Amino acid sequence: MMRLVFAALAGGLFGAGLLVSGMTQPEKVRGWLDVFGNWDPTLGFVLAGAIIPMAIAWRIAARRRASVSGTPFPEPPAPRIDRKLVLGSALFGLGWGLSGLCPGPSMATLGIGGLPFWAFFAAMVAAMMIYGYGRGRA
């Protein structure tokens, strides 16, 4: 039960941060990617601001065996660059650049964003299901 409480609090805090920073607005993301046009550096400040608390959290987590809720930390993944990583990154970036949304902001705006956000969310879920089906067959 505590795991769910911590997950809800973390998700709520993350969503609130996305809303307050304006990162739920696709125009902000597209403005970040429009380096040679009407460039908007706002996303860069949000990304840089996220590095500090995560660096602190990684340091604390490295000294612990389990999370606050008692769940053991998973082993870090092997640092290898393979075809699946490159293809997945390219697809993520393509979707992010075309829509101006990534999974976090799309979920944070489902209740207020209207049909375009629901369409993006449905496409994202469908892609995850297709990937899961294909992975299960491999």
N, C-alpha and C. Protein backbone atom coordinates (compact mmCIF):
# COMPACT_ATOMS: atom_id res chain seq x y z
N MET A 1 0.82 -1.20 0.00
CA MET A 1 0.00 0.00 0.00
C MET A 1 0.87 1.27 0.00
N MET A 2 1.96 1.24 0.79
CA MET A 2 2.84 2.41 0.84
C MET A 2 3.48 2.69 -0.52
N ARG A 3 3.76 1.61 -1.26
CA ARG A 3 4.32 1.80 -2.61
C ARG A 3 3.39 2.62 -3.47
N LEU A 4 2.09 2.32 -3.40
CA LEU A 4 1.11 3.05 -4.19
C LEU A 4 1.01 4.50 -3.75
N VAL A 5 1.09 4.73 -2.46
CA VAL A 5 1.04 6.11 -1.95
C VAL A 5 2.24 6.89 -2.45
N PHE A 6 3.45 6.31 -2.35
CA PHE A 6 4.65 6.98 -2.84
C PHE A 6 4.58 7.21 -4.35
N ALA A 7 4.07 6.22 -5.08
CA ALA A 7 3.95 6.36 -6.54
C ALA A 7 2.97 7.48 -6.88
N ALA A 8 1.85 7.55 -6.17
CA ALA A 8 0.87 8.60 -6.43
C ALA A 8 1.44 9.98 -6.10
N LEU A 9 2.15 10.08 -4.99
CA LEU A 9 2.77 11.36 -4.63
C LEU A 9 3.82 11.78 -5.65
N ALA A 10 4.68 10.84 -6.04
CA ALA A 10 5.73 11.16 -7.02
C ALA A 10 5.11 11.55 -8.37
N GLY A 11 4.11 10.79 -8.80
CA GLY A 11 3.44 11.10 -10.06
C GLY A 11 2.74 12.44 -10.02
N GLY A 12 2.09 12.73 -8.91
CA GLY A 12 1.41 14.02 -8.76
C GLY A 12 2.39 15.18 -8.76
N LEU A 13 3.51 15.00 -8.06
CA LEU A 13 4.54 16.04 -8.04
C LEU A 13 5.14 16.26 -9.42
N PHE A 14 5.40 15.16 -10.13
CA PHE A 14 5.95 15.25 -11.48
C PHE A 14 4.96 15.97 -12.41
N GLY A 15 3.69 15.56 -12.36
CA GLY A 15 2.67 16.19 -13.20
C GLY A 15 2.51 17.67 -12.88
N ALA A 16 2.52 18.01 -11.59
CA ALA A 16 2.41 19.42 -11.20
C ALA A 16 3.60 20.22 -11.72
N GLY A 17 4.79 19.62 -11.65
CA GLY A 17 5.97 20.30 -12.18
C GLY A 17 5.87 20.54 -13.67
N LEU A 18 5.34 19.56 -14.40
CA LEU A 18 5.15 19.72 -15.85
C LEU A 18 4.16 20.84 -16.15
N LEU A 19 3.07 20.88 -15.38
CA LEU A 19 2.06 21.92 -15.60
C LEU A 19 2.61 23.30 -15.28
N VAL A 20 3.27 23.44 -14.13
CA VAL A 20 3.80 24.74 -13.70
C VAL A 20 4.87 25.24 -14.67
N SER A 21 5.72 24.34 -15.16
CA SER A 21 6.79 24.75 -16.06
C SER A 21 6.32 25.01 -17.49
N GLY A 22 5.08 24.63 -17.80
CA GLY A 22 4.56 24.83 -19.15
C GLY A 22 4.94 23.73 -20.13
N MET A 23 5.54 22.66 -19.63
CA MET A 23 6.00 21.59 -20.52
C MET A 23 4.86 20.71 -21.04
N THR A 24 3.64 20.99 -20.64
CA THR A 24 2.50 20.28 -21.19
C THR A 24 1.98 20.97 -22.45
N GLN A 25 2.62 22.06 -22.82
CA GLN A 25 2.24 22.79 -24.03
C GLN A 25 3.14 22.34 -25.18
N PRO A 26 2.57 21.66 -26.17
CA PRO A 26 3.40 21.19 -27.29
C PRO A 26 4.21 22.30 -27.97
N GLU A 27 3.70 23.51 -27.95
CA GLU A 27 4.41 24.62 -28.59
C GLU A 27 5.76 24.86 -27.93
N LYS A 28 5.84 24.64 -26.60
CA LYS A 28 7.10 24.82 -25.89
C LYS A 28 8.14 23.80 -26.37
N VAL A 29 7.72 22.56 -26.54
CA VAL A 29 8.64 21.52 -26.99
C VAL A 29 9.07 21.79 -28.43
N ARG A 30 8.11 22.11 -29.28
CA ARG A 30 8.46 22.41 -30.68
C ARG A 30 9.37 23.63 -30.76
N GLY A 31 9.14 24.61 -29.87
CA GLY A 31 10.01 25.80 -29.83
C GLY A 31 11.43 25.45 -29.43
N TRP A 32 11.59 24.47 -28.54
CA TRP A 32 12.92 23.99 -28.14
C TRP A 32 13.64 23.33 -29.31
N LEU A 33 12.87 22.59 -30.10
CA LEU A 33 13.46 21.87 -31.23
C LEU A 33 13.71 22.76 -32.44
N ASP A 34 13.10 23.94 -32.49
CA ASP A 34 13.22 24.87 -33.62
C ASP A 34 14.47 25.74 -33.44
N VAL A 35 15.63 25.11 -33.50
CA VAL A 35 16.89 25.80 -33.21
C VAL A 35 17.18 26.93 -34.20
N PHE A 36 16.83 26.75 -35.45
CA PHE A 36 17.14 27.76 -36.46
C PHE A 36 15.98 28.70 -36.75
N GLY A 37 14.91 28.61 -35.99
CA GLY A 37 13.75 29.47 -36.19
C GLY A 37 13.48 30.27 -34.93
N ASN A 38 12.27 30.14 -34.42
CA ASN A 38 11.85 30.86 -33.23
C ASN A 38 12.16 29.99 -32.00
N TRP A 39 13.45 29.88 -31.64
CA TRP A 39 13.90 28.98 -30.59
C TRP A 39 13.43 29.44 -29.22
N ASP A 40 12.93 28.50 -28.41
CA ASP A 40 12.49 28.77 -27.05
C ASP A 40 13.33 27.92 -26.10
N PRO A 41 14.21 28.54 -25.30
CA PRO A 41 15.12 27.77 -24.44
C PRO A 41 14.48 27.25 -23.15
N THR A 42 13.20 27.46 -22.95
CA THR A 42 12.54 27.10 -21.69
C THR A 42 12.76 25.64 -21.31
N LEU A 43 12.62 24.74 -22.25
CA LEU A 43 12.79 23.31 -21.95
C LEU A 43 14.20 23.03 -21.45
N GLY A 44 15.17 23.73 -21.95
CA GLY A 44 16.55 23.56 -21.49
C GLY A 44 16.70 23.89 -20.02
N PHE A 45 16.02 24.94 -19.56
CA PHE A 45 16.06 25.30 -18.15
C PHE A 45 15.38 24.23 -17.29
N VAL A 46 14.29 23.68 -17.79
CA VAL A 46 13.59 22.61 -17.06
C VAL A 46 14.49 21.38 -16.96
N LEU A 47 15.12 21.00 -18.08
CA LEU A 47 16.01 19.85 -18.07
C LEU A 47 17.21 20.07 -17.14
N ALA A 48 17.79 21.24 -17.20
CA ALA A 48 18.94 21.55 -16.33
C ALA A 48 18.50 21.54 -14.86
N GLY A 49 17.32 22.06 -14.59
CA GLY A 49 16.81 22.07 -13.21
C GLY A 49 16.51 20.69 -12.69
N ALA A 50 16.27 19.73 -13.56
CA ALA A 50 15.99 18.36 -13.14
C ALA A 50 17.28 17.61 -12.81
N ILE A 51 18.39 18.04 -13.34
CA ILE A 51 19.66 17.34 -13.13
C ILE A 51 20.09 17.41 -11.67
N ILE A 52 19.92 18.54 -11.02
CA ILE A 52 20.40 18.71 -9.65
C ILE A 52 19.69 17.75 -8.68
N PRO A 53 18.35 17.75 -8.60
CA PRO A 53 17.73 16.81 -7.66
C PRO A 53 17.99 15.35 -8.01
N MET A 54 18.09 15.03 -9.30
CA MET A 54 18.36 13.63 -9.68
C MET A 54 19.78 13.23 -9.30
N ALA A 55 20.73 14.13 -9.43
CA ALA A 55 22.10 13.82 -9.02
C ALA A 55 22.15 13.53 -7.52
N ILE A 56 21.42 14.30 -6.75
CA ILE A 56 21.35 14.08 -5.30
C ILE A 56 20.66 12.75 -5.01
N ALA A 57 19.56 12.48 -5.69
CA ALA A 57 18.81 11.23 -5.47
C ALA A 57 19.66 10.01 -5.83
N TRP A 58 20.43 10.08 -6.92
CA TRP A 58 21.29 8.96 -7.30
C TRP A 58 22.36 8.70 -6.24
N ARG A 59 22.91 9.78 -5.68
CA ARG A 59 23.92 9.63 -4.62
C ARG A 59 23.33 8.94 -3.40
N ILE A 60 22.13 9.37 -3.01
CA ILE A 60 21.47 8.76 -1.85
C ILE A 60 21.12 7.31 -2.14
N ALA A 61 20.58 7.05 -3.31
CA ALA A 61 20.17 5.68 -3.67
C ALA A 61 21.37 4.74 -3.75
N ALA A 62 22.52 5.25 -4.14
CA ALA A 62 23.71 4.40 -4.25
C ALA A 62 24.15 3.87 -2.90
N ARG A 63 23.80 4.57 -1.83
CA ARG A 63 24.17 4.14 -0.49
C ARG A 63 23.12 3.27 0.18
N ARG A 64 22.00 3.07 -0.49
CA ARG A 64 20.90 2.29 0.10
C ARG A 64 20.72 0.97 -0.64
N ARG A 65 20.17 -0.01 0.03
CA ARG A 65 19.87 -1.30 -0.59
C ARG A 65 18.44 -1.35 -1.11
N ALA A 66 17.55 -0.56 -0.49
CA ALA A 66 16.14 -0.58 -0.88
C ALA A 66 15.58 0.83 -0.81
N SER A 67 14.46 1.02 -1.47
CA SER A 67 13.80 2.32 -1.47
C SER A 67 13.14 2.57 -0.11
N VAL A 68 12.60 3.74 0.08
CA VAL A 68 11.92 4.09 1.32
C VAL A 68 10.74 3.15 1.57
N SER A 69 10.11 2.69 0.50
CA SER A 69 8.97 1.78 0.65
C SER A 69 9.40 0.33 0.88
N GLY A 70 10.71 0.06 0.86
CA GLY A 70 11.21 -1.27 1.11
C GLY A 70 11.49 -2.10 -0.13
N THR A 71 11.16 -1.58 -1.30
CA THR A 71 11.39 -2.29 -2.55
C THR A 71 12.88 -2.25 -2.90
N PRO A 72 13.49 -3.40 -3.18
CA PRO A 72 14.91 -3.36 -3.57
C PRO A 72 15.11 -2.64 -4.90
N PHE A 73 16.23 -1.95 -5.01
CA PHE A 73 16.54 -1.27 -6.26
C PHE A 73 16.94 -2.30 -7.32
N PRO A 74 16.53 -2.11 -8.57
CA PRO A 74 16.96 -3.05 -9.62
C PRO A 74 18.42 -2.82 -9.97
N GLU A 75 19.01 -3.83 -10.55
CA GLU A 75 20.38 -3.70 -11.03
C GLU A 75 20.41 -2.72 -12.19
N PRO A 76 21.45 -1.91 -12.30
CA PRO A 76 21.53 -0.99 -13.44
C PRO A 76 21.67 -1.79 -14.74
N PRO A 77 21.09 -1.27 -15.82
CA PRO A 77 21.20 -1.99 -17.10
C PRO A 77 22.64 -1.96 -17.62
N ALA A 78 22.93 -2.91 -18.47
CA ALA A 78 24.25 -2.96 -19.10
C ALA A 78 24.40 -1.75 -20.03
N PRO A 79 25.53 -1.06 -19.95
CA PRO A 79 25.72 0.14 -20.79
C PRO A 79 26.12 -0.23 -22.22
N ARG A 80 25.16 -0.68 -23.00
CA ARG A 80 25.48 -1.03 -24.38
C ARG A 80 24.50 -0.32 -25.32
N ILE A 81 25.01 0.02 -26.46
CA ILE A 81 24.19 0.66 -27.48
C ILE A 81 23.95 -0.39 -28.57
N ASP A 82 22.70 -0.79 -28.71
CA ASP A 82 22.36 -1.79 -29.71
C ASP A 82 21.27 -1.25 -30.64
N ARG A 83 20.88 -2.09 -31.58
CA ARG A 83 19.90 -1.69 -32.59
C ARG A 83 18.57 -1.29 -31.96
N LYS A 84 18.13 -2.03 -30.94
CA LYS A 84 16.85 -1.73 -30.30
C LYS A 84 16.88 -0.37 -29.61
N LEU A 85 17.99 -0.04 -28.97
CA LEU A 85 18.12 1.25 -28.30
C LEU A 85 18.08 2.39 -29.31
N VAL A 86 18.82 2.25 -30.39
CA VAL A 86 18.88 3.30 -31.41
C VAL A 86 17.51 3.47 -32.08
N LEU A 87 16.88 2.36 -32.45
CA LEU A 87 15.56 2.43 -33.09
C LEU A 87 14.51 3.01 -32.14
N GLY A 88 14.51 2.56 -30.91
CA GLY A 88 13.56 3.09 -29.93
C GLY A 88 13.76 4.57 -29.69
N SER A 89 15.01 5.00 -29.58
CA SER A 89 15.31 6.42 -29.37
C SER A 89 14.86 7.25 -30.57
N ALA A 90 15.10 6.74 -31.76
CA ALA A 90 14.69 7.46 -32.98
C ALA A 90 13.17 7.58 -33.06
N LEU A 91 12.47 6.50 -32.74
CA LEU A 91 11.00 6.55 -32.77
C LEU A 91 10.47 7.50 -31.71
N PHE A 92 11.03 7.46 -30.51
CA PHE A 92 10.62 8.37 -29.44
C PHE A 92 10.84 9.81 -29.88
N GLY A 93 12.03 10.11 -30.40
CA GLY A 93 12.34 11.47 -30.83
C GLY A 93 11.46 11.93 -31.97
N LEU A 94 11.16 11.04 -32.90
CA LEU A 94 10.28 11.38 -34.01
C LEU A 94 8.88 11.74 -33.50
N GLY A 95 8.35 10.90 -32.63
CA GLY A 95 7.03 11.18 -32.06
C GLY A 95 7.02 12.44 -31.23
N TRP A 96 8.07 12.66 -30.47
CA TRP A 96 8.18 13.84 -29.63
C TRP A 96 8.25 15.10 -30.48
N GLY A 97 9.05 15.05 -31.54
CA GLY A 97 9.20 16.22 -32.41
C GLY A 97 7.94 16.53 -33.21
N LEU A 98 7.26 15.49 -33.69
CA LEU A 98 6.05 15.72 -34.49
C LEU A 98 4.87 16.20 -33.64
N SER A 99 4.73 15.63 -32.45
CA SER A 99 3.56 15.97 -31.64
C SER A 99 3.84 17.05 -30.60
N GLY A 100 5.09 17.17 -30.19
CA GLY A 100 5.41 18.10 -29.11
C GLY A 100 5.09 17.51 -27.75
N LEU A 101 4.81 16.22 -27.71
CA LEU A 101 4.46 15.57 -26.45
C LEU A 101 5.33 14.35 -26.21
N CYS A 102 5.61 14.08 -24.97
CA CYS A 102 6.22 12.81 -24.59
C CYS A 102 5.30 12.20 -23.53
N PRO A 103 5.55 10.97 -23.10
CA PRO A 103 4.59 10.28 -22.24
C PRO A 103 4.19 11.04 -20.97
N GLY A 104 5.14 11.63 -20.27
CA GLY A 104 4.80 12.34 -19.02
C GLY A 104 3.81 13.47 -19.23
N PRO A 105 4.14 14.46 -20.07
CA PRO A 105 3.20 15.55 -20.30
C PRO A 105 1.87 15.11 -20.90
N SER A 106 1.89 14.08 -21.75
CA SER A 106 0.62 13.65 -22.33
C SER A 106 -0.30 13.11 -21.26
N MET A 107 0.23 12.39 -20.29
CA MET A 107 -0.61 11.87 -19.21
C MET A 107 -1.03 12.98 -18.25
N ALA A 108 -0.15 13.96 -18.04
CA ALA A 108 -0.46 15.06 -17.13
C ALA A 108 -1.59 15.94 -17.67
N THR A 109 -1.82 15.92 -18.96
CA THR A 109 -2.82 16.80 -19.56
C THR A 109 -4.07 16.08 -20.06
N LEU A 110 -4.21 14.80 -19.78
CA LEU A 110 -5.37 14.07 -20.30
C LEU A 110 -6.69 14.70 -19.87
N GLY A 111 -6.76 15.18 -18.65
CA GLY A 111 -8.01 15.75 -18.17
C GLY A 111 -8.30 17.15 -18.67
N ILE A 112 -7.28 17.86 -19.13
CA ILE A 112 -7.49 19.25 -19.53
C ILE A 112 -7.11 19.56 -20.96
N GLY A 113 -6.46 18.60 -21.63
CA GLY A 113 -5.90 18.88 -22.95
C GLY A 113 -6.81 18.69 -24.13
N GLY A 114 -7.86 17.93 -23.96
CA GLY A 114 -8.77 17.71 -25.07
C GLY A 114 -8.38 16.54 -25.96
N LEU A 115 -9.04 16.46 -27.09
CA LEU A 115 -8.91 15.33 -28.01
C LEU A 115 -7.49 15.07 -28.52
N PRO A 116 -6.70 16.08 -28.88
CA PRO A 116 -5.35 15.77 -29.37
C PRO A 116 -4.51 14.99 -28.35
N PHE A 117 -4.66 15.31 -27.08
CA PHE A 117 -3.88 14.61 -26.06
C PHE A 117 -4.37 13.17 -25.89
N TRP A 118 -5.68 12.96 -25.98
CA TRP A 118 -6.23 11.60 -25.90
C TRP A 118 -5.80 10.78 -27.11
N ALA A 119 -5.76 11.42 -28.29
CA ALA A 119 -5.32 10.71 -29.50
C ALA A 119 -3.85 10.29 -29.36
N PHE A 120 -3.01 11.20 -28.86
CA PHE A 120 -1.61 10.87 -28.65
C PHE A 120 -1.48 9.73 -27.64
N PHE A 121 -2.22 9.82 -26.54
CA PHE A 121 -2.15 8.80 -25.50
C PHE A 121 -2.58 7.44 -26.06
N ALA A 122 -3.66 7.41 -26.84
CA ALA A 122 -4.13 6.16 -27.43
C ALA A 122 -3.08 5.57 -28.37
N ALA A 123 -2.43 6.41 -29.18
CA ALA A 123 -1.38 5.94 -30.08
C ALA A 123 -0.19 5.41 -29.30
N MET A 124 0.15 6.08 -28.21
CA MET A 124 1.27 5.64 -27.38
C MET A 124 0.97 4.27 -26.76
N VAL A 125 -0.22 4.11 -26.22
CA VAL A 125 -0.60 2.83 -25.61
C VAL A 125 -0.62 1.73 -26.68
N ALA A 126 -1.15 2.04 -27.86
CA ALA A 126 -1.19 1.05 -28.95
C ALA A 126 0.23 0.63 -29.33
N ALA A 127 1.14 1.58 -29.42
CA ALA A 127 2.52 1.26 -29.77
C ALA A 127 3.16 0.38 -28.71
N MET A 128 2.89 0.67 -27.43
CA MET A 128 3.44 -0.17 -26.36
C MET A 128 2.88 -1.58 -26.42
N MET A 129 1.60 -1.70 -26.75
CA MET A 129 0.98 -3.03 -26.85
C MET A 129 1.55 -3.80 -28.04
N ILE A 130 1.74 -3.11 -29.17
CA ILE A 130 2.33 -3.76 -30.34
C ILE A 130 3.74 -4.23 -30.02
N TYR A 131 4.52 -3.38 -29.36
CA TYR A 131 5.87 -3.76 -28.97
C TYR A 131 5.84 -4.98 -28.04
N GLY A 132 4.95 -4.93 -27.05
CA GLY A 132 4.85 -6.04 -26.11
C GLY A 132 4.45 -7.32 -26.80
N TYR A 133 3.55 -7.25 -27.74
CA TYR A 133 3.13 -8.44 -28.50
C TYR A 133 4.30 -8.98 -29.32
N GLY A 134 5.00 -8.09 -30.01
CA GLY A 134 6.15 -8.52 -30.81
C GLY A 134 7.27 -9.07 -29.97
N ARG A 135 7.48 -8.51 -28.80
CA ARG A 135 8.53 -8.98 -27.91
C ARG A 135 8.21 -10.36 -27.36
N GLY A 136 6.92 -10.59 -27.09
CA GLY A 136 6.50 -11.88 -26.58
C GLY A 136 6.67 -13.00 -27.60
N ARG A 137 6.62 -12.64 -28.87
CA ARG A 137 6.75 -13.64 -29.93
C ARG A 137 8.21 -13.92 -30.29
N ALA A 138 9.10 -12.99 -29.91
CA ALA A 138 10.52 -13.13 -30.28
C ALA A 138 11.18 -14.26 -29.52
